[in-house]
Protein backbone atom coordinates (compact mmCIF):
# COMPACT_ATOMS: atom_id res chain seq x y z
CA MET A 1 234.58 79.39 86.84
CA GLU A 2 234.89 80.53 90.47
CA ASN A 3 235.28 84.25 91.15
CA PRO A 4 238.11 84.64 93.73
CA HIS A 5 236.85 88.13 94.66
CA ALA A 6 233.20 87.15 95.23
CA GLY A 7 231.83 88.36 98.54
CA GLN A 8 234.74 90.63 99.41
CA GLY A 9 233.04 93.95 98.85
CA SER A 10 229.77 95.62 99.70
CA VAL A 11 226.66 93.56 100.38
CA LEU A 12 223.21 94.69 99.28
CA LEU A 13 220.74 94.30 102.15
CA ASP A 14 217.09 93.75 101.22
CA ILE A 15 215.27 94.73 104.42
CA GLY A 16 211.90 96.23 105.29
CA GLY A 17 208.58 95.13 106.73
CA ASP A 18 209.22 91.84 108.54
CA VAL A 19 212.59 91.26 106.83
CA GLY A 20 215.88 92.17 108.51
CA ALA A 21 219.57 91.34 108.07
CA LEU A 22 222.39 89.97 110.19
CA VAL A 23 226.08 90.93 110.29
CA VAL A 24 228.37 88.83 112.50
CA THR A 25 231.94 89.86 113.34
CA MET A 26 234.12 86.76 113.25
CA PRO A 27 237.53 85.76 114.62
CA ALA A 28 240.23 86.09 111.93
CA GLU A 29 241.18 82.41 112.17
CA LEU A 30 237.69 81.43 110.94
CA GLU A 31 238.03 83.23 107.61
CA GLY A 32 236.78 80.93 104.86
CA ILE A 33 234.55 78.65 106.94
CA GLU A 34 230.86 78.49 106.11
CA VAL A 35 228.21 79.22 108.71
CA GLU A 36 224.60 78.07 108.54
CA ILE A 37 221.59 79.91 109.97
CA ARG A 38 218.32 78.20 110.82
CA PRO A 39 215.20 78.91 112.84
CA HIS A 40 215.75 78.36 116.56
CA GLY A 41 214.96 74.79 117.56
CA HIS A 42 215.50 73.21 114.13
CA GLY A 43 219.17 72.38 114.62
CA THR A 44 219.39 68.79 115.74
CA THR A 45 217.57 65.65 114.76
CA ALA A 46 215.86 65.64 118.17
CA HIS A 47 214.23 69.00 117.42
CA ARG A 48 213.07 68.26 113.87
CA SER A 49 209.30 68.16 113.72
CA ALA A 50 208.81 66.13 110.53
CA PRO A 51 210.81 63.74 108.35
CA ASP A 52 211.01 66.41 105.62
CA ASP A 53 212.93 68.69 108.02
CA VAL A 54 215.95 66.38 107.73
CA HIS A 55 216.36 67.43 104.09
CA ARG A 56 215.54 71.13 104.55
CA HIS A 57 218.19 73.48 103.21
CA HIS A 58 219.27 76.29 105.52
CA PRO A 59 221.06 79.37 104.19
CA HIS A 60 224.82 79.47 104.70
CA VAL A 61 227.52 82.01 103.94
CA ALA A 62 231.30 82.11 104.15
CA VAL A 63 233.34 84.20 106.54
CA VAL A 64 235.01 86.88 104.41
CA ASN A 65 237.58 89.51 105.36
CA ARG A 66 235.67 92.66 104.31
CA PRO A 67 236.98 96.19 103.97
CA VAL A 68 235.84 98.58 106.72
CA VAL A 69 236.88 102.08 107.68
CA GLY A 70 240.47 101.87 108.86
CA GLY A 71 241.20 98.33 107.66
CA SER A 72 239.32 95.08 107.32
CA SER A 73 237.14 92.82 109.44
CA PRO A 74 236.28 89.13 109.05
CA SER A 75 232.52 88.86 108.99
CA LEU A 76 229.53 87.07 107.62
CA VAL A 77 226.38 88.69 106.29
CA PHE A 78 222.89 87.26 105.92
CA PRO A 79 221.23 90.01 103.85
CA GLU A 80 217.59 88.92 104.03
CA LEU A 81 216.00 87.12 107.03
CA VAL A 82 212.39 87.05 108.17
CA GLU A 83 212.15 88.33 111.74
CA GLY A 84 212.45 85.67 114.40
CA HIS A 85 214.92 83.74 116.55
CA TYR A 86 217.79 81.96 114.78
CA GLU A 87 220.76 79.78 115.64
CA LEU A 88 224.11 79.68 113.85
CA CYS A 89 226.61 76.85 113.51
CA ALA A 90 229.46 75.85 111.25
CA VAL A 91 228.18 73.98 108.19
CA GLY A 92 228.24 70.24 108.77
CA THR A 93 227.70 70.42 112.53
CA ASP A 94 224.75 70.70 114.87
CA ASP A 95 226.81 72.65 117.42
CA VAL A 96 224.94 75.93 117.94
CA VAL A 97 227.54 78.63 118.60
CA LEU A 98 225.39 81.76 118.50
CA THR A 99 221.70 82.63 118.76
CA VAL A 100 220.22 85.90 117.53
CA GLU A 101 216.89 87.65 117.26
CA ILE A 102 216.16 89.35 113.95
CA HIS A 103 213.75 92.30 113.77
CA GLY A 104 212.11 93.45 110.56
CA ALA A 105 213.58 96.50 108.82
CA GLU A 106 216.70 96.38 111.02
CA VAL A 107 220.28 95.17 110.74
CA THR A 108 221.18 93.01 113.72
CA THR A 109 224.86 92.81 114.65
CA ALA A 110 226.53 90.10 116.71
CA THR A 111 230.00 88.79 117.55
CA TRP A 112 230.95 85.13 117.18
CA PRO A 113 232.38 83.90 120.49
CA GLU A 114 236.14 83.27 120.62
């Protein structure tokens, strides 16, 4: 059974050492879409270094309207990422919309372009 309230509250971040987290503020009209994150340069077939990369699973999360002080904010949260450079795109596409750099023991924030 699907939980209709899953993901709408607080998110536990597991950061420290070389592991950080990412919070992206999203446009309201994108609520519900899923966004994938992958190491920079692994997005398109042309950049894949080995045949196995084609089948590699990359983490993805949904855009959720989360409660914040004074209201709510559509966002996505990746709670545990090894430091490095990443690219984000809507699931099912290779269109990189945002690139970020994650630092260990820190929460990186970004805004999805309109």
